[in-house]
Amino acid sequence: MLLLQRTVTAIGYDGGGDYFLDPSGKPRRRGEHEIAPYLFAGIQLLHRRLFNGIGDRVFSLVRLYDRAERTGRLHAIVHDGEWYHIGTPAGLAATRERLSSKRIER
């Protein structure tokens, strides 16, 4: 289970997204030259079974997401609140600006 966020509402995000959702809500990871409307928001629930056969000590979790997708076991929830991308200086600046504009003056 992945938490997804709409790219158009992600504050500080400027990228090609990560996933599409079909009409039933099943996620599909975007191809190399596609632009997807949802990004992975960094939160997931993974069954330990997904790790079976992974002997590498260092690997990308995307391998597990792809494995779950291939078997029809990947699901997603779309977050409908604010989400802040702080992985770049520009994203951090946009987040700071947004949060400071919501401060209550006392």
N, C-alpha and C. Protein backbone atom coordinates (compact mmCIF):
# COMPACT_ATOMS: atom_id res chain seq x y z
N MET A 1 0.85 -1.17 0.00
CA MET A 1 0.00 0.00 0.00
C MET A 1 0.89 1.22 0.00
N LEU A 2 0.68 2.09 -0.99
CA LEU A 2 1.47 3.32 -1.10
C LEU A 2 0.59 4.53 -0.85
N LEU A 3 1.16 5.54 -0.23
CA LEU A 3 0.48 6.82 -0.11
C LEU A 3 0.91 7.67 -1.30
N LEU A 4 -0.06 8.12 -2.08
CA LEU A 4 0.20 8.96 -3.24
C LEU A 4 -0.34 10.36 -3.01
N GLN A 5 0.23 11.30 -3.73
CA GLN A 5 -0.19 12.70 -3.67
C GLN A 5 -0.35 13.19 -5.10
N ARG A 6 -1.36 13.99 -5.36
CA ARG A 6 -1.51 14.59 -6.68
C ARG A 6 -0.34 15.55 -6.92
N THR A 7 0.28 15.45 -8.07
CA THR A 7 1.43 16.31 -8.35
C THR A 7 1.04 17.78 -8.41
N VAL A 8 -0.16 18.07 -8.88
CA VAL A 8 -0.58 19.47 -9.03
C VAL A 8 -0.82 20.16 -7.70
N THR A 9 -1.01 19.40 -6.63
CA THR A 9 -1.23 20.02 -5.32
C THR A 9 -0.03 19.86 -4.39
N ALA A 10 1.03 19.21 -4.84
CA ALA A 10 2.23 19.01 -4.01
C ALA A 10 3.04 20.30 -4.00
N ILE A 11 3.20 20.88 -2.84
CA ILE A 11 3.89 22.15 -2.70
C ILE A 11 5.41 21.92 -2.80
N GLY A 12 6.03 22.64 -3.73
CA GLY A 12 7.47 22.53 -3.93
C GLY A 12 7.89 21.41 -4.85
N TYR A 13 6.93 20.71 -5.44
CA TYR A 13 7.27 19.58 -6.32
C TYR A 13 7.26 20.02 -7.78
N ASP A 14 8.30 19.64 -8.50
CA ASP A 14 8.39 19.94 -9.92
C ASP A 14 9.00 18.71 -10.59
N GLY A 15 8.16 17.74 -10.91
CA GLY A 15 8.68 16.51 -11.50
C GLY A 15 7.62 15.82 -12.33
N GLY A 16 7.98 14.65 -12.82
CA GLY A 16 7.11 13.91 -13.73
C GLY A 16 6.16 12.95 -13.07
N GLY A 17 6.07 12.99 -11.74
CA GLY A 17 5.18 12.06 -11.04
C GLY A 17 5.73 10.65 -11.04
N ASP A 18 5.00 9.75 -10.41
CA ASP A 18 5.44 8.36 -10.27
C ASP A 18 4.40 7.35 -10.73
N TYR A 19 3.13 7.64 -10.47
CA TYR A 19 2.10 6.63 -10.70
C TYR A 19 0.86 7.19 -11.38
N PHE A 20 0.19 6.30 -12.10
CA PHE A 20 -1.15 6.50 -12.62
C PHE A 20 -2.08 5.64 -11.78
N LEU A 21 -3.35 5.98 -11.73
CA LEU A 21 -4.36 5.13 -11.11
C LEU A 21 -5.38 4.77 -12.18
N ASP A 22 -5.71 3.47 -12.27
CA ASP A 22 -6.75 3.07 -13.23
C ASP A 22 -8.11 3.37 -12.62
N PRO A 23 -9.20 3.19 -13.37
CA PRO A 23 -10.53 3.53 -12.84
C PRO A 23 -10.90 2.81 -11.54
N SER A 24 -10.29 1.65 -11.29
CA SER A 24 -10.59 0.93 -10.05
C SER A 24 -9.66 1.35 -8.91
N GLY A 25 -8.71 2.26 -9.19
CA GLY A 25 -7.80 2.74 -8.15
C GLY A 25 -6.48 2.00 -8.06
N LYS A 26 -6.22 1.06 -8.97
CA LYS A 26 -4.95 0.32 -8.97
C LYS A 26 -3.84 1.20 -9.54
N PRO A 27 -2.71 1.29 -8.82
CA PRO A 27 -1.61 2.10 -9.32
C PRO A 27 -0.77 1.37 -10.37
N ARG A 28 -0.23 2.17 -11.30
CA ARG A 28 0.72 1.67 -12.30
C ARG A 28 1.85 2.68 -12.37
N ARG A 29 3.09 2.17 -12.19
CA ARG A 29 4.24 3.07 -12.24
C ARG A 29 4.43 3.59 -13.65
N ARG A 30 4.77 4.85 -13.77
CA ARG A 30 4.90 5.47 -15.08
C ARG A 30 6.10 4.92 -15.83
N GLY A 31 6.00 4.95 -17.14
CA GLY A 31 7.11 4.57 -17.99
C GLY A 31 8.12 5.70 -18.09
N GLU A 32 9.22 5.42 -18.73
CA GLU A 32 10.34 6.37 -18.79
C GLU A 32 9.96 7.72 -19.38
N HIS A 33 9.11 7.74 -20.39
CA HIS A 33 8.78 9.00 -21.07
C HIS A 33 7.36 9.47 -20.77
N GLU A 34 6.76 8.99 -19.70
CA GLU A 34 5.40 9.38 -19.33
C GLU A 34 5.44 10.40 -18.20
N ILE A 35 4.38 11.18 -18.12
CA ILE A 35 4.17 12.10 -17.01
C ILE A 35 2.95 11.58 -16.25
N ALA A 36 3.13 11.31 -14.98
CA ALA A 36 2.06 10.72 -14.17
C ALA A 36 1.47 11.77 -13.23
N PRO A 37 0.18 11.67 -12.94
CA PRO A 37 -0.47 12.68 -12.10
C PRO A 37 -0.30 12.49 -10.59
N TYR A 38 0.32 11.39 -10.18
CA TYR A 38 0.51 11.13 -8.75
C TYR A 38 1.98 10.86 -8.45
N LEU A 39 2.43 11.32 -7.29
CA LEU A 39 3.78 11.01 -6.84
C LEU A 39 3.70 10.14 -5.60
N PHE A 40 4.73 9.36 -5.38
CA PHE A 40 4.83 8.55 -4.17
C PHE A 40 5.21 9.50 -3.03
N ALA A 41 4.40 9.54 -1.99
CA ALA A 41 4.57 10.51 -0.91
C ALA A 41 5.50 10.04 0.20
N GLY A 42 6.12 8.88 0.04
CA GLY A 42 7.13 8.44 1.00
C GLY A 42 6.64 7.55 2.12
N ILE A 43 5.38 7.17 2.09
CA ILE A 43 4.85 6.28 3.13
C ILE A 43 4.30 5.04 2.46
N GLN A 44 4.66 3.88 3.01
CA GLN A 44 4.17 2.62 2.47
C GLN A 44 3.97 1.59 3.57
N LEU A 45 3.09 0.65 3.31
CA LEU A 45 2.94 -0.53 4.15
C LEU A 45 3.32 -1.72 3.28
N LEU A 46 4.30 -2.49 3.71
CA LEU A 46 4.80 -3.60 2.92
C LEU A 46 4.70 -4.90 3.71
N HIS A 47 4.22 -5.93 3.07
CA HIS A 47 4.20 -7.25 3.69
C HIS A 47 5.59 -7.85 3.60
N ARG A 48 6.02 -8.52 4.63
CA ARG A 48 7.38 -9.08 4.64
C ARG A 48 7.61 -10.07 3.52
N ARG A 49 6.54 -10.65 2.99
CA ARG A 49 6.65 -11.60 1.88
C ARG A 49 7.30 -10.96 0.65
N LEU A 50 7.10 -9.65 0.48
CA LEU A 50 7.70 -8.95 -0.65
C LEU A 50 9.23 -9.04 -0.65
N PHE A 51 9.83 -9.22 0.51
CA PHE A 51 11.28 -9.26 0.63
C PHE A 51 11.86 -10.64 0.33
N ASN A 52 11.00 -11.66 0.16
CA ASN A 52 11.49 -13.00 -0.15
C ASN A 52 12.31 -12.99 -1.43
N GLY A 53 13.48 -13.60 -1.37
CA GLY A 53 14.34 -13.69 -2.54
C GLY A 53 15.21 -12.48 -2.79
N ILE A 54 15.10 -11.46 -1.96
CA ILE A 54 15.96 -10.28 -2.09
C ILE A 54 17.18 -10.52 -1.21
N GLY A 55 18.29 -10.86 -1.82
CA GLY A 55 19.51 -11.15 -1.07
C GLY A 55 20.43 -9.95 -0.94
N ASP A 56 20.19 -8.94 -1.75
CA ASP A 56 21.05 -7.76 -1.71
C ASP A 56 20.85 -6.99 -0.41
N ARG A 57 21.93 -6.52 0.16
CA ARG A 57 21.81 -5.73 1.39
C ARG A 57 21.35 -4.31 1.08
N VAL A 58 21.66 -3.83 -0.12
CA VAL A 58 21.26 -2.49 -0.54
C VAL A 58 20.50 -2.63 -1.86
N PHE A 59 19.29 -2.09 -1.91
CA PHE A 59 18.48 -2.15 -3.13
C PHE A 59 17.40 -1.10 -3.04
N SER A 60 16.78 -0.82 -4.17
CA SER A 60 15.70 0.15 -4.22
C SER A 60 14.38 -0.52 -3.87
N LEU A 61 13.59 0.13 -3.04
CA LEU A 61 12.27 -0.39 -2.71
C LEU A 61 11.35 -0.45 -3.93
N VAL A 62 11.70 0.30 -4.99
CA VAL A 62 10.91 0.26 -6.22
C VAL A 62 10.83 -1.18 -6.74
N ARG A 63 11.87 -1.97 -6.51
CA ARG A 63 11.82 -3.39 -6.90
C ARG A 63 10.64 -4.09 -6.24
N LEU A 64 10.39 -3.77 -4.99
CA LEU A 64 9.27 -4.39 -4.27
C LEU A 64 7.93 -3.88 -4.78
N TYR A 65 7.86 -2.58 -5.05
CA TYR A 65 6.62 -2.01 -5.58
C TYR A 65 6.30 -2.63 -6.94
N ASP A 66 7.33 -2.77 -7.78
CA ASP A 66 7.12 -3.37 -9.10
C ASP A 66 6.69 -4.83 -8.98
N ARG A 67 7.29 -5.54 -8.04
CA ARG A 67 6.91 -6.94 -7.81
C ARG A 67 5.44 -7.03 -7.41
N ALA A 68 5.02 -6.19 -6.49
CA ALA A 68 3.63 -6.18 -6.05
C ALA A 68 2.70 -5.78 -7.20
N GLU A 69 3.13 -4.82 -8.01
CA GLU A 69 2.31 -4.40 -9.15
C GLU A 69 2.12 -5.55 -10.15
N ARG A 70 3.21 -6.26 -10.45
CA ARG A 70 3.13 -7.37 -11.41
C ARG A 70 2.16 -8.46 -10.95
N THR A 71 2.05 -8.65 -9.65
CA THR A 71 1.17 -9.70 -9.13
C THR A 71 -0.23 -9.19 -8.78
N GLY A 72 -0.49 -7.92 -9.09
CA GLY A 72 -1.81 -7.35 -8.81
C GLY A 72 -2.04 -7.03 -7.35
N ARG A 73 -0.96 -6.92 -6.57
CA ARG A 73 -1.08 -6.71 -5.13
C ARG A 73 -0.65 -5.31 -4.68
N LEU A 74 -0.42 -4.41 -5.63
CA LEU A 74 -0.06 -3.05 -5.27
C LEU A 74 -1.33 -2.21 -5.18
N HIS A 75 -1.46 -1.49 -4.09
CA HIS A 75 -2.62 -0.63 -3.86
C HIS A 75 -2.13 0.75 -3.45
N ALA A 76 -3.04 1.71 -3.48
CA ALA A 76 -2.66 3.08 -3.13
C ALA A 76 -3.82 3.80 -2.47
N ILE A 77 -3.45 4.75 -1.65
CA ILE A 77 -4.38 5.71 -1.05
C ILE A 77 -3.88 7.08 -1.47
N VAL A 78 -4.79 7.95 -1.89
CA VAL A 78 -4.41 9.30 -2.29
C VAL A 78 -4.64 10.24 -1.12
N HIS A 79 -3.57 10.92 -0.73
CA HIS A 79 -3.64 11.92 0.34
C HIS A 79 -4.32 13.16 -0.21
N ASP A 80 -5.30 13.68 0.51
CA ASP A 80 -6.04 14.84 -0.01
C ASP A 80 -5.71 16.14 0.73
N GLY A 81 -4.71 16.10 1.58
CA GLY A 81 -4.30 17.32 2.28
C GLY A 81 -3.05 17.91 1.68
N GLU A 82 -2.49 18.90 2.35
CA GLU A 82 -1.26 19.50 1.87
C GLU A 82 -0.10 18.54 2.03
N TRP A 83 0.81 18.60 1.06
CA TRP A 83 2.02 17.78 1.09
C TRP A 83 3.15 18.63 0.58
N TYR A 84 4.28 18.56 1.25
CA TYR A 84 5.41 19.43 0.95
C TYR A 84 6.62 18.61 0.50
N HIS A 85 7.17 18.99 -0.65
CA HIS A 85 8.38 18.35 -1.15
C HIS A 85 9.56 19.21 -0.71
N ILE A 86 10.42 18.66 0.16
CA ILE A 86 11.55 19.44 0.66
C ILE A 86 12.88 18.81 0.25
N GLY A 87 12.87 18.07 -0.85
CA GLY A 87 14.07 17.40 -1.33
C GLY A 87 15.00 18.27 -2.14
N THR A 88 14.60 19.49 -2.41
CA THR A 88 15.45 20.43 -3.15
C THR A 88 15.42 21.77 -2.43
N PRO A 89 16.44 22.61 -2.66
CA PRO A 89 16.41 23.95 -2.04
C PRO A 89 15.15 24.74 -2.45
N ALA A 90 14.72 24.62 -3.70
CA ALA A 90 13.53 25.34 -4.15
C ALA A 90 12.28 24.81 -3.44
N GLY A 91 12.19 23.51 -3.28
CA GLY A 91 11.05 22.92 -2.58
C GLY A 91 11.02 23.32 -1.12
N LEU A 92 12.18 23.35 -0.49
CA LEU A 92 12.27 23.79 0.91
C LEU A 92 11.85 25.25 1.04
N ALA A 93 12.28 26.09 0.10
CA ALA A 93 11.90 27.51 0.14
C ALA A 93 10.40 27.68 -0.04
N ALA A 94 9.81 26.93 -0.98
CA ALA A 94 8.36 27.00 -1.20
C ALA A 94 7.60 26.54 0.04
N THR A 95 8.11 25.52 0.70
CA THR A 95 7.48 25.01 1.92
C THR A 95 7.56 26.04 3.03
N ARG A 96 8.73 26.61 3.21
CA ARG A 96 8.88 27.65 4.25
C ARG A 96 7.94 28.82 4.00
N GLU A 97 7.86 29.24 2.75
CA GLU A 97 6.98 30.36 2.40
C GLU A 97 5.52 30.01 2.71
N ARG A 98 5.11 28.83 2.31
CA ARG A 98 3.72 28.40 2.53
C ARG A 98 3.41 28.30 4.02
N LEU A 99 4.29 27.69 4.78
CA LEU A 99 4.04 27.53 6.21
C LEU A 99 4.09 28.86 6.95
N SER A 100 4.98 29.75 6.56
CA SER A 100 5.04 31.04 7.25
C SER A 100 3.82 31.89 6.94
N SER A 101 3.19 31.69 5.78
CA SER A 101 1.99 32.46 5.44
C SER A 101 0.78 31.99 6.24
N LYS A 102 0.88 30.85 6.88
CA LYS A 102 -0.25 30.30 7.65
C LYS A 102 -0.10 30.53 9.15
N ARG A 103 0.94 31.24 9.55
CA ARG A 103 1.15 31.50 10.97
C ARG A 103 0.08 32.45 11.51
N ILE A 104 -0.31 32.21 12.72
CA ILE A 104 -1.29 33.08 13.38
C ILE A 104 -0.51 34.11 14.21
N GLU A 105 -0.75 35.35 13.91
CA GLU A 105 -0.08 36.42 14.65
C GLU A 105 -0.74 36.56 16.02
N ARG A 106 0.07 36.73 17.04
CA ARG A 106 -0.46 36.90 18.40
C ARG A 106 -0.04 38.22 18.96
